[in-house]
PDB file of N, CA and C in Angstrom:
ATOM      1  N   MET A   1     108.386  92.448  82.743  1.00  0.00           N
ATOM      2  CA  MET A   1     109.285  93.128  83.647  1.00  0.00           C
ATOM      3  C   MET A   1     108.616  93.265  85.014  1.00  0.00           C
ATOM      4  N   GLU A   2     109.400  93.347  86.034  1.00  0.00           N
ATOM      5  CA  GLU A   2     108.874  93.388  87.397  1.00  0.00           C
ATOM      6  C   GLU A   2     109.394  94.597  88.156  1.00  0.00           C
ATOM      7  N   ALA A   3     108.601  95.027  89.134  1.00  0.00           N
ATOM      8  CA  ALA A   3     109.026  96.067  90.070  1.00  0.00           C
ATOM      9  C   ALA A   3     108.647  95.608  91.467  1.00  0.00           C
ATOM     10  N   LYS A   4     109.462  96.004  92.455  1.00  0.00           N
ATOM     11  CA  LYS A   4     109.313  95.459  93.797  1.00  0.00           C
ATOM     12  C   LYS A   4     109.303  96.582  94.823  1.00  0.00           C
ATOM     13  N   ALA A   5     108.557  96.363  95.902  1.00  0.00           N
ATOM     14  CA  ALA A   5     108.571  97.277  97.045  1.00  0.00           C
ATOM     15  C   ALA A   5     108.485  96.436  98.314  1.00  0.00           C
ATOM     16  N   GLN A   6     109.241  96.861  99.351  1.00  0.00           N
ATOM     17  CA  GLN A   6     109.265  96.116 100.602  1.00  0.00           C
ATOM     18  C   GLN A   6     108.982  97.042 101.774  1.00  0.00           C
ATOM     19  N   LEU A   7     108.323  96.493 102.765  1.00  0.00           N
ATOM     20  CA  LEU A   7     108.053  97.204 104.008  1.00  0.00           C
ATOM     21  C   LEU A   7     108.534  96.319 105.146  1.00  0.00           C
ATOM     22  N   SER A   8     109.460  96.833 105.944  1.00  0.00           N
ATOM     23  CA  SER A   8     110.054  96.028 107.006  1.00  0.00           C
ATOM     24  C   SER A   8     109.643  96.534 108.373  1.00  0.00           C
ATOM     25  N   MET A   9     109.586  95.623 109.322  1.00  0.00           N
ATOM     26  CA  MET A   9     109.393  95.922 110.741  1.00  0.00           C
ATOM     27  C   MET A   9     108.087  96.660 111.036  1.00  0.00           C
ATOM     28  N   ILE A  10     107.023  96.349 110.319  1.00  0.00           N
ATOM     29  CA  ILE A  10     105.741  96.993 110.611  1.00  0.00           C
ATOM     30  C   ILE A  10     105.111  96.284 111.806  1.00  0.00           C
ATOM     31  N   ARG A  11     104.508  97.041 112.703  1.00  0.00           N
ATOM     32  CA  ARG A  11     103.995  96.496 113.956  1.00  0.00           C
ATOM     33  C   ARG A  11     102.571  95.946 113.799  1.00  0.00           C
ATOM     34  N   ILE A  12     102.436  94.994 112.881  1.00  0.00           N
ATOM     35  CA  ILE A  12     101.193  94.250 112.690  1.00  0.00           C
ATOM     36  C   ILE A  12     101.584  92.783 112.655  1.00  0.00           C
ATOM     37  N   SER A  13     100.802  91.945 113.300  1.00  0.00           N
ATOM     38  CA  SER A  13     101.160  90.536 113.311  1.00  0.00           C
ATOM     39  C   SER A  13     101.039  89.962 111.894  1.00  0.00           C
ATOM     40  N   PRO A  14     101.907  89.043 111.524  1.00  0.00           N
ATOM     41  CA  PRO A  14     101.876  88.481 110.171  1.00  0.00           C
ATOM     42  C   PRO A  14     100.556  87.790 109.849  1.00  0.00           C
ATOM     43  N   ARG A  15      99.960  87.177 110.838  1.00  0.00           N
ATOM     44  CA  ARG A  15      98.698  86.474 110.608  1.00  0.00           C
ATOM     45  C   ARG A  15      97.593  87.437 110.170  1.00  0.00           C
ATOM     46  N   LYS A  16      97.538  88.606 110.797  1.00  0.00           N
ATOM     47  CA  LYS A  16      96.526  89.602 110.444  1.00  0.00           C
ATOM     48  C   LYS A  16      96.846  90.273 109.110  1.00  0.00           C
ATOM     49  N   ALA A  17      98.130  90.478 108.829  1.00  0.00           N
ATOM     50  CA  ALA A  17      98.517  91.094 107.559  1.00  0.00           C
ATOM     51  C   ALA A  17      98.249  90.150 106.389  1.00  0.00           C
ATOM     52  N   ARG A  18      98.405  88.859 106.609  1.00  0.00           N
ATOM     53  CA  ARG A  18      98.151  87.888 105.529  1.00  0.00           C
ATOM     54  C   ARG A  18      96.691  87.867 105.104  1.00  0.00           C
ATOM     55  N   LEU A  19      95.770  88.163 106.019  1.00  0.00           N
ATOM     56  CA  LEU A  19      94.355  88.236 105.659  1.00  0.00           C
ATOM     57  C   LEU A  19      94.117  89.311 104.604  1.00  0.00           C
ATOM     58  N   VAL A  20      94.808  90.435 104.738  1.00  0.00           N
ATOM     59  CA  VAL A  20      94.664  91.535 103.789  1.00  0.00           C
ATOM     60  C   VAL A  20      95.387  91.220 102.485  1.00  0.00           C
ATOM     61  N   VAL A  21      96.590  90.711 102.593  1.00  0.00           N
ATOM     62  CA  VAL A  21      97.436  90.462 101.433  1.00  0.00           C
ATOM     63  C   VAL A  21      96.839  89.380 100.523  1.00  0.00           C
ATOM     64  N   ASP A  22      96.193  88.390 101.096  1.00  0.00           N
ATOM     65  CA  ASP A  22      95.629  87.303 100.301  1.00  0.00           C
ATOM     66  C   ASP A  22      94.498  87.769  99.390  1.00  0.00           C
ATOM     67  N   THR A  23      93.847  88.874  99.723  1.00  0.00           N
ATOM     68  CA  THR A  23      92.727  89.345  98.902  1.00  0.00           C
ATOM     69  C   THR A  23      93.177  90.027  97.617  1.00  0.00           C
ATOM     70  N   ILE A  24      94.429  90.530  97.563  1.00  0.00           N
ATOM     71  CA  ILE A  24      94.862  91.261  96.368  1.00  0.00           C
ATOM     72  C   ILE A  24      95.820  90.467  95.487  1.00  0.00           C
ATOM     73  N   ARG A  25      96.167  89.266  95.876  1.00  0.00           N
ATOM     74  CA  ARG A  25      97.124  88.468  95.104  1.00  0.00           C
ATOM     75  C   ARG A  25      96.563  88.161  93.708  1.00  0.00           C
ATOM     76  N   THR A  26      97.364  88.351  92.673  1.00  0.00           N
ATOM     77  CA  THR A  26      97.081  88.111  91.245  1.00  0.00           C
ATOM     78  C   THR A  26      95.964  89.003  90.688  1.00  0.00           C
ATOM     79  N   LYS A  27      95.678  90.124  91.309  1.00  0.00           N
ATOM     80  CA  LYS A  27      94.642  91.038  90.814  1.00  0.00           C
ATOM     81  C   LYS A  27      95.313  92.182  90.045  1.00  0.00           C
ATOM     82  N   PRO A  28      94.603  92.792  89.088  1.00  0.00           N
ATOM     83  CA  PRO A  28      95.121  94.023  88.475  1.00  0.00           C
ATOM     84  C   PRO A  28      95.242  95.109  89.539  1.00  0.00           C
ATOM     85  N   VAL A  29      96.179  96.030  89.348  1.00  0.00           N
ATOM     86  CA  VAL A  29      96.457  97.004  90.406  1.00  0.00           C
ATOM     87  C   VAL A  29      95.272  97.923  90.668  1.00  0.00           C
ATOM     88  N   ALA A  30      94.505  98.271  89.657  1.00  0.00           N
ATOM     89  CA  ALA A  30      93.335  99.135  89.871  1.00  0.00           C
ATOM     90  C   ALA A  30      92.313  98.439  90.769  1.00  0.00           C
ATOM     91  N   GLN A  31      92.105  97.162  90.529  1.00  0.00           N
ATOM     92  CA  GLN A  31      91.172  96.388  91.348  1.00  0.00           C
ATOM     93  C   GLN A  31      91.729  96.191  92.759  1.00  0.00           C
ATOM     94  N   ALA A  32      93.035  95.976  92.892  1.00  0.00           N
ATOM     95  CA  ALA A  32      93.655  95.801  94.209  1.00  0.00           C
ATOM     96  C   ALA A  32      93.551  97.081  95.037  1.00  0.00           C
ATOM     97  N   ILE A  33      93.734  98.239  94.403  1.00  0.00           N
ATOM     98  CA  ILE A  33      93.606  99.510  95.107  1.00  0.00           C
ATOM     99  C   ILE A  33      92.178  99.709  95.587  1.00  0.00           C
ATOM    100  N   ALA A  34      91.202  99.367  94.751  1.00  0.00           N
ATOM    101  CA  ALA A  34      89.797  99.497  95.148  1.00  0.00           C
ATOM    102  C   ALA A  34      89.460  98.576  96.316  1.00  0.00           C
ATOM    103  N   ILE A  35      89.990  97.370  96.299  1.00  0.00           N
ATOM    104  CA  ILE A  35      89.757  96.427  97.397  1.00  0.00           C
ATOM    105  C   ILE A  35      90.342  96.965  98.693  1.00  0.00           C
ATOM    106  N   LEU A  36      91.565  97.487  98.640  1.00  0.00           N
ATOM    107  CA  LEU A  36      92.224  97.976  99.850  1.00  0.00           C
ATOM    108  C   LEU A  36      91.573  99.250 100.398  1.00  0.00           C
ATOM    109  N   HIS A  37      91.039 100.101  99.496  1.00  0.00           N
ATOM    110  CA  HIS A  37      90.345 101.308  99.952  1.00  0.00           C
ATOM    111  C   HIS A  37      89.097 100.963 100.752  1.00  0.00           C
ATOM    112  N   ASN A  38      88.425  99.892 100.382  1.00  0.00           N
ATOM    113  CA  ASN A  38      87.147  99.543 101.006  1.00  0.00           C
ATOM    114  C   ASN A  38      87.267  98.490 102.098  1.00  0.00           C
ATOM    115  N   MET A  39      88.475  98.072 102.420  1.00  0.00           N
ATOM    116  CA  MET A  39      88.670  97.042 103.428  1.00  0.00           C
ATOM    117  C   MET A  39      88.751  97.671 104.813  1.00  0.00           C
ATOM    118  N   ASP A  40      88.072  97.056 105.770  1.00  0.00           N
ATOM    119  CA  ASP A  40      88.019  97.583 107.134  1.00  0.00           C
ATOM    120  C   ASP A  40      88.985  96.807 108.032  1.00  0.00           C
ATOM    121  N   LYS A  41      90.254  96.818 107.663  1.00  0.00           N
ATOM    122  CA  LYS A  41      91.302  96.164 108.442  1.00  0.00           C
ATOM    123  C   LYS A  41      92.425  97.169 108.661  1.00  0.00           C
ATOM    124  N   THR A  42      93.108  97.066 109.789  1.00  0.00           N
ATOM    125  CA  THR A  42      94.197  97.987 110.102  1.00  0.00           C
ATOM    126  C   THR A  42      95.362  97.827 109.131  1.00  0.00           C
ATOM    127  N   ALA A  43      95.609  96.620 108.676  1.00  0.00           N
ATOM    128  CA  ALA A  43      96.741  96.361 107.786  1.00  0.00           C
ATOM    129  C   ALA A  43      96.493  96.853 106.362  1.00  0.00           C
ATOM    130  N   ALA A  44      95.277  97.241 106.033  1.00  0.00           N
ATOM    131  CA  ALA A  44      94.972  97.652 104.663  1.00  0.00           C
ATOM    132  C   ALA A  44      95.683  98.948 104.281  1.00  0.00           C
ATOM    133  N   GLU A  45      95.812  99.882 105.217  1.00  0.00           N
ATOM    134  CA  GLU A  45      96.443 101.166 104.894  1.00  0.00           C
ATOM    135  C   GLU A  45      97.927 101.028 104.552  1.00  0.00           C
ATOM    136  N   PRO A  46      98.754 100.347 105.367  1.00  0.00           N
ATOM    137  CA  PRO A  46     100.155 100.206 104.965  1.00  0.00           C
ATOM    138  C   PRO A  46     100.347  99.359 103.713  1.00  0.00           C
ATOM    139  N   VAL A  47      99.486  98.382 103.484  1.00  0.00           N
ATOM    140  CA  VAL A  47      99.590  97.570 102.266  1.00  0.00           C
ATOM    141  C   VAL A  47      99.245  98.419 101.048  1.00  0.00           C
ATOM    142  N   LEU A  48      98.256  99.315 101.192  1.00  0.00           N
ATOM    143  CA  LEU A  48      97.892 100.219 100.096  1.00  0.00           C
ATOM    144  C   LEU A  48      99.049 101.161  99.775  1.00  0.00           C
ATOM    145  N   LYS A  49      99.700 101.709 100.796  1.00  0.00           N
ATOM    146  CA  LYS A  49     100.848 102.584 100.570  1.00  0.00           C
ATOM    147  C   LYS A  49     101.991 101.831  99.891  1.00  0.00           C
ATOM    148  N   LEU A  50     102.190 100.588 100.307  1.00  0.00           N
ATOM    149  CA  LEU A  50     103.248  99.775  99.712  1.00  0.00           C
ATOM    150  C   LEU A  50     102.933  99.446  98.256  1.00  0.00           C
ATOM    151  N   LEU A  51     101.665  99.173  97.951  1.00  0.00           N
ATOM    152  CA  LEU A  51     101.258  98.899  96.571  1.00  0.00           C
ATOM    153  C   LEU A  51     101.470 100.136  95.703  1.00  0.00           C
ATOM    154  N   ASN A  52     101.118 101.308  96.218  1.00  0.00           N
ATOM    155  CA  ASN A  52     101.355 102.536  95.464  1.00  0.00           C
ATOM    156  C   ASN A  52     102.842 102.770  95.235  1.00  0.00           C
ATOM    157  N   SER A  53     103.676 102.410  96.199  1.00  0.00           N
ATOM    158  CA  SER A  53     105.118 102.533  96.040  1.00  0.00           C
ATOM    159  C   SER A  53     105.631 101.588  94.960  1.00  0.00           C
ATOM    160  N   ALA A  54     105.116 100.360  94.933  1.00  0.00           N
ATOM    161  CA  ALA A  54     105.534  99.400  93.905  1.00  0.00           C
ATOM    162  C   ALA A  54     105.109  99.877  92.510  1.00  0.00           C
ATOM    163  N   ILE A  55     103.924 100.474  92.413  1.00  0.00           N
ATOM    164  CA  ILE A  55     103.464 101.015  91.128  1.00  0.00           C
ATOM    165  C   ILE A  55     104.365 102.164  90.692  1.00  0.00           C
ATOM    166  N   ALA A  56     104.717 103.052  91.635  1.00  0.00           N
ATOM    167  CA  ALA A  56     105.597 104.168  91.308  1.00  0.00           C
ATOM    168  C   ALA A  56     106.976 103.675  90.888  1.00  0.00           C
ATOM    169  N   ASN A  57     107.478 102.629  91.546  1.00  0.00           N
ATOM    170  CA  ASN A  57     108.761 102.049  91.140  1.00  0.00           C
ATOM    171  C   ASN A  57     108.691 101.514  89.716  1.00  0.00           C
ATOM    172  N   ALA A  58     107.579 100.871  89.376  1.00  0.00           N
ATOM    173  CA  ALA A  58     107.425 100.301  88.036  1.00  0.00           C
ATOM    174  C   ALA A  58     107.373 101.392  86.973  1.00  0.00           C
ATOM    175  N   VAL A  59     106.641 102.465  87.262  1.00  0.00           N
ATOM    176  CA  VAL A  59     106.475 103.529  86.270  1.00  0.00           C
ATOM    177  C   VAL A  59     107.750 104.360  86.139  1.00  0.00           C
ATOM    178  N   ASN A  60     108.317 104.777  87.270  1.00  0.00           N
ATOM    179  CA  ASN A  60     109.450 105.708  87.225  1.00  0.00           C
ATOM    180  C   ASN A  60     110.795 105.034  86.945  1.00  0.00           C
ATOM    181  N   ASN A  61     111.021 103.858  87.517  1.00  0.00           N
ATOM    182  CA  ASN A  61     112.322 103.215  87.360  1.00  0.00           C
ATOM    183  C   ASN A  61     112.407 102.315  86.138  1.00  0.00           C
ATOM    184  N   ASN A  62     111.302 101.651  85.804  1.00  0.00           N
ATOM    185  CA  ASN A  62     111.341 100.669  84.716  1.00  0.00           C
ATOM    186  C   ASN A  62     110.567 101.094  83.479  1.00  0.00           C
ATOM    187  N   GLY A  63     109.853 102.223  83.538  1.00  0.00           N
ATOM    188  CA  GLY A  63     109.132 102.723  82.369  1.00  0.00           C
ATOM    189  C   GLY A  63     107.931 101.894  81.967  1.00  0.00           C
ATOM    190  N   MET A  64     107.340 101.182  82.896  1.00  0.00           N
ATOM    191  CA  MET A  64     106.159 100.371  82.584  1.00  0.00           C
ATOM    192  C   MET A  64     104.906 101.230  82.632  1.00  0.00           C
ATOM    193  N   SER A  65     103.850 100.761  81.986  1.00  0.00           N
ATOM    194  CA  SER A  65     102.566 101.456  81.998  1.00  0.00           C
ATOM    195  C   SER A  65     101.768 101.013  83.222  1.00  0.00           C
ATOM    196  N   ALA A  66     101.221 101.969  83.962  1.00  0.00           N
ATOM    197  CA  ALA A  66     100.485 101.652  85.188  1.00  0.00           C
ATOM    198  C   ALA A  66      99.175 100.930  84.893  1.00  0.00           C
ATOM    199  N   ASP A  67      98.636 101.102  83.693  1.00  0.00           N
ATOM    200  CA  ASP A  67      97.350 100.475  83.354  1.00  0.00           C
ATOM    201  C   ASP A  67      97.470  98.971  83.162  1.00  0.00           C
ATOM    202  N   LYS A  68      98.637  98.492  82.775  1.00  0.00           N
ATOM    203  CA  LYS A  68      98.820  97.072  82.468  1.00  0.00           C
ATOM    204  C   LYS A  68      99.364  96.260  83.637  1.00  0.00           C
ATOM    205  N   LEU A  69      99.635  96.896  84.769  1.00  0.00           N
ATOM    206  CA  LEU A  69     100.253  96.199  85.890  1.00  0.00           C
ATOM    207  C   LEU A  69      99.260  95.331  86.648  1.00  0.00           C
ATOM    208  N   PHE A  70      99.758  94.242  87.205  1.00  0.00           N
ATOM    209  CA  PHE A  70      98.985  93.408  88.116  1.00  0.00           C
ATOM    210  C   PHE A  70      99.904  92.948  89.242  1.00  0.00           C
ATOM    211  N   VAL A  71      99.302  92.536  90.342  1.00  0.00           N
ATOM    212  CA  VAL A  71     100.060  92.094  91.508  1.00  0.00           C
ATOM    213  C   VAL A  71     100.514  90.665  91.240  1.00  0.00           C
ATOM    214  N   LYS A  72     101.785  90.493  90.944  1.00  0.00           N
ATOM    215  CA  LYS A  72     102.301  89.168  90.619  1.00  0.00           C
ATOM    216  C   LYS A  72     102.520  88.348  91.882  1.00  0.00           C
ATOM    217  N   THR A  73     103.250  88.902  92.833  1.00  0.00           N
ATOM    218  CA  THR A  73     103.568  88.198  94.073  1.00  0.00           C
ATOM    219  C   THR A  73     103.414  89.158  95.230  1.00  0.00           C
ATOM    220  N   VAL A  74     102.834  88.663  96.308  1.00  0.00           N
ATOM    221  CA  VAL A  74     102.767  89.437  97.537  1.00  0.00           C
ATOM    222  C   VAL A  74     102.825  88.449  98.688  1.00  0.00           C
ATOM    223  N   TYR A  75     103.705  88.724  99.640  1.00  0.00           N
ATOM    224  CA  TYR A  75     103.827  87.811 100.779  1.00  0.00           C
ATOM    225  C   TYR A  75     104.219  88.570 102.031  1.00  0.00           C
ATOM    226  N   VAL A  76     103.932  87.937 103.164  1.00  0.00           N
ATOM    227  CA  VAL A  76     104.227  88.509 104.473  1.00  0.00           C
ATOM    228  C   VAL A  76     105.117  87.526 105.219  1.00  0.00           C
ATOM    229  N   ASN A  77     106.274  88.001 105.661  1.00  0.00           N
ATOM    230  CA  ASN A  77     107.168  87.198 106.484  1.00  0.00           C
ATOM    231  C   ASN A  77     107.156  87.737 107.905  1.00  0.00           C
ATOM    232  N   GLU A  78     107.503  86.876 108.824  1.00  0.00           N
ATOM    233  CA  GLU A  78     107.528  87.270 110.226  1.00  0.00           C
ATOM    234  C   GLU A  78     108.828  88.002 110.538  1.00  0.00           C
ATOM    235  N   GLY A  79     108.692  89.131 111.216  1.00  0.00           N
ATOM    236  CA  GLY A  79     109.847  89.897 111.657  1.00  0.00           C
ATOM    237  C   GLY A  79     110.186  89.557 113.094  1.00  0.00           C
ATOM    238  N   PRO A  80     111.098  90.305 113.701  1.00  0.00           N
ATOM    239  CA  PRO A  80     111.443  90.053 115.099  1.00  0.00           C
ATOM    240  C   PRO A  80     110.271  90.364 116.023  1.00  0.00           C
ATOM    241  N   THR A  81     110.180  89.614 117.098  1.00  0.00           N
ATOM    242  CA  THR A  81     109.099  89.783 118.061  1.00  0.00           C
ATOM    243  C   THR A  81     109.602  90.583 119.254  1.00  0.00           C
ATOM    244  N   LEU A  82     108.862  91.629 119.598  1.00  0.00           N
ATOM    245  CA  LEU A  82     109.187  92.421 120.787  1.00  0.00           C
ATOM    246  C   LEU A  82     108.561  91.739 121.988  1.00  0.00           C
ATOM    247  N   LYS A  83     109.344  91.518 123.027  1.00  0.00           N
ATOM    248  CA  LYS A  83     108.845  90.817 124.206  1.00  0.00           C
ATOM    249  C   LYS A  83     108.668  91.821 125.343  1.00  0.00           C
ATOM    250  N   ARG A  84     107.466  91.863 125.881  1.00  0.00           N
ATOM    251  CA  ARG A  84     107.139  92.738 127.001  1.00  0.00           C
ATOM    252  C   ARG A  84     106.558  91.886 128.126  1.00  0.00           C
ATOM    253  N   PHE A  85     106.617  92.378 129.351  1.00  0.00           N
ATOM    254  CA  PHE A  85     106.119  91.617 130.496  1.00  0.00           C
ATOM    255  C   PHE A  85     105.087  92.431 131.251  1.00  0.00           C
ATOM    256  N   ARG A  86     104.086  91.729 131.733  1.00  0.00           N
ATOM    257  CA  ARG A  86     103.002  92.336 132.485  1.00  0.00           C
ATOM    258  C   ARG A  86     102.920  91.648 133.842  1.00  0.00           C
ATOM    259  N   PRO A  87     102.821  92.406 134.911  1.00  0.00           N
ATOM    260  CA  PRO A  87     102.711  91.768 136.225  1.00  0.00           C
ATOM    261  C   PRO A  87     101.369  91.065 136.392  1.00  0.00           C
ATOM    262  N   ARG A  88     101.418  89.899 137.037  1.00  0.00           N
ATOM    263  CA  ARG A  88     100.208  89.114 137.291  1.00  0.00           C
ATOM    264  C   ARG A  88     100.149  88.771 138.782  1.00  0.00           C
ATOM    265  N   ALA A  89      99.177  87.993 139.130  1.00  0.00           N
ATOM    266  CA  ALA A  89      98.951  87.670 140.537  1.00  0.00           C
ATOM    267  C   ALA A  89     100.093  86.831 141.107  1.00  0.00           C
ATOM    268  N   HIS A  90     100.298  86.947 142.424  1.00  0.00           N
ATOM    269  CA  HIS A  90     101.285  86.171 143.172  1.00  0.00           C
ATOM    270  C   HIS A  90     102.707  86.419 142.685  1.00  0.00           C
ATOM    271  N   GLY A  91     102.992  87.617 142.199  1.00  0.00           N
ATOM    272  CA  GLY A  91     104.352  87.973 141.814  1.00  0.00           C
ATOM    273  C   GLY A  91     104.828  87.382 140.505  1.00  0.00           C
ATOM    274  N   ARG A  92     103.937  86.823 139.744  1.00  0.00           N
ATOM    275  CA  ARG A  92     104.337  86.241 138.458  1.00  0.00           C
ATOM    276  C   ARG A  92     104.399  87.318 137.379  1.00  0.00           C
ATOM    277  N   ALA A  93     105.054  86.990 136.287  1.00  0.00           N
ATOM    278  CA  ALA A  93     105.112  87.875 135.125  1.00  0.00           C
ATOM    279  C   ALA A  93     104.515  87.147 133.932  1.00  0.00           C
ATOM    280  N   TYR A  94     103.720  87.877 133.158  1.00  0.00           N
ATOM    281  CA  TYR A  94     103.073  87.326 131.987  1.00  0.00           C
ATOM    282  C   TYR A  94     103.719  87.955 130.762  1.00  0.00           C
ATOM    283  N   GLU A  95     104.184  87.130 129.818  1.00  0.00           N
ATOM    284  CA  GLU A  95     104.882  87.635 128.643  1.00  0.00           C
ATOM    285  C   GLU A  95     103.875  88.057 127.568  1.00  0.00           C
ATOM    286  N   ILE A  96     104.087  89.238 127.017  1.00  0.00           N
ATOM    287  CA  ILE A  96     103.278  89.737 125.901  1.00  0.00           C
ATOM    288  C   ILE A  96     104.180  89.783 124.678  1.00  0.00           C
ATOM    289  N   LEU A  97     103.757  89.158 123.597  1.00  0.00           N
ATOM    290  CA  LEU A  97     104.528  89.116 122.362  1.00  0.00           C
ATOM    291  C   LEU A  97     103.951  90.122 121.374  1.00  0.00           C
ATOM    292  N   LYS A  98     104.750  91.111 121.028  1.00  0.00           N
ATOM    293  CA  LYS A  98     104.330  92.112 120.046  1.00  0.00           C
ATOM    294  C   LYS A  98     105.027  91.762 118.735  1.00  0.00           C
ATOM    295  N   ARG A  99     104.281  91.201 117.823  1.00  0.00           N
ATOM    296  CA  ARG A  99     104.847  90.661 116.594  1.00  0.00           C
ATOM    297  C   ARG A  99     104.987  91.733 115.522  1.00  0.00           C
ATOM    298  N   THR A 100     105.993  91.556 114.659  1.00  0.00           N
ATOM    299  CA  THR A 100     106.222  92.465 113.544  1.00  0.00           C
ATOM    300  C   THR A 100     106.222  91.672 112.238  1.00  0.00           C
ATOM    301  N   SER A 101     106.088  92.407 111.130  1.00  0.00           N
ATOM    302  CA  SER A 101     105.986  91.772 109.816  1.00  0.00           C
ATOM    303  C   SER A 101     106.901  92.450 108.813  1.00  0.00           C
ATOM    304  N   HIS A 102     107.292  91.689 107.809  1.00  0.00           N
ATOM    305  CA  HIS A 102     107.967  92.206 106.620  1.00  0.00           C
ATOM    306  C   HIS A 102     107.046  91.887 105.441  1.00  0.00           C
ATOM    307  N   ILE A 103     106.607  92.908 104.701  1.00  0.00           N
ATOM    308  CA  ILE A 103     105.677  92.723 103.584  1.00  0.00           C
ATOM    309  C   ILE A 103     106.414  93.048 102.286  1.00  0.00           C
ATOM    310  N   THR A 104     106.235  92.203 101.274  1.00  0.00           N
ATOM    311  CA  THR A 104     106.862  92.400  99.960  1.00  0.00           C
ATOM    312  C   THR A 104     105.801  92.299  98.881  1.00  0.00           C
ATOM    313  N   ILE A 105     105.810  93.266  97.963  1.00  0.00           N
ATOM    314  CA  ILE A 105     104.888  93.261  96.828  1.00  0.00           C
ATOM    315  C   ILE A 105     105.707  93.348  95.548  1.00  0.00           C
ATOM    316  N   ILE A 106     105.416  92.478  94.597  1.00  0.00           N
ATOM    317  CA  ILE A 106     106.039  92.513  93.265  1.00  0.00           C
ATOM    318  C   ILE A 106     104.924  92.683  92.239  1.00  0.00           C
ATOM    319  N   VAL A 107     105.027  93.740  91.436  1.00  0.00           N
ATOM    320  CA  VAL A 107     104.059  93.970  90.371  1.00  0.00           C
ATOM    321  C   VAL A 107     104.747  93.709  89.040  1.00  0.00           C
ATOM    322  N   SER A 108     103.942  93.264  88.077  1.00  0.00           N
ATOM    323  CA  SER A 108     104.499  92.915  86.772  1.00  0.00           C
ATOM    324  C   SER A 108     103.504  93.322  85.687  1.00  0.00           C
ATOM    325  N   ASP A 109     104.000  93.449  84.455  1.00  0.00           N
ATOM    326  CA  ASP A 109     103.109  93.735  83.335  1.00  0.00           C
ATOM    327  C   ASP A 109     102.966  92.546  82.395  1.00  0.00           C
ATOM    328  N   VAL A 110     103.654  91.457  82.691  1.00  0.00           N
ATOM    329  CA  VAL A 110     103.580  90.247  81.859  1.00  0.00           C
ATOM    330  C   VAL A 110     103.025  89.127  82.701  1.00  0.00           C
ATOM    331  N   LYS A 111     102.013  88.436  82.186  1.00  0.00           N
ATOM    332  CA  LYS A 111     101.391  87.349  82.953  1.00  0.00           C
ATOM    333  C   LYS A 111     102.206  86.091  82.888  1.00  0.00           C
TER     334      LYS A 111
END
């Protein structure tokens, strides 16, 4: 059985979030939580909260045991990009792209 949690429109670039997400893929949830607690990346905190939400969904909604869960699927998709402009020399404008991400975690108790 599977349980899912999604986080939309987080203001972290997908490339940076994928660095964090790739470390916990196919790991047991206890090991994934330990990895995220000790990771020195900005994206680790929201991914940890999302993982805890997926675990809570599995336990409360589907009646699964938290000890047997593992991270089955986790992926980061690109969200909408916020476009901002910064003034530069000679009256030009420089575009700044503020990227957003959509993160999805699926936990399962069956391999």
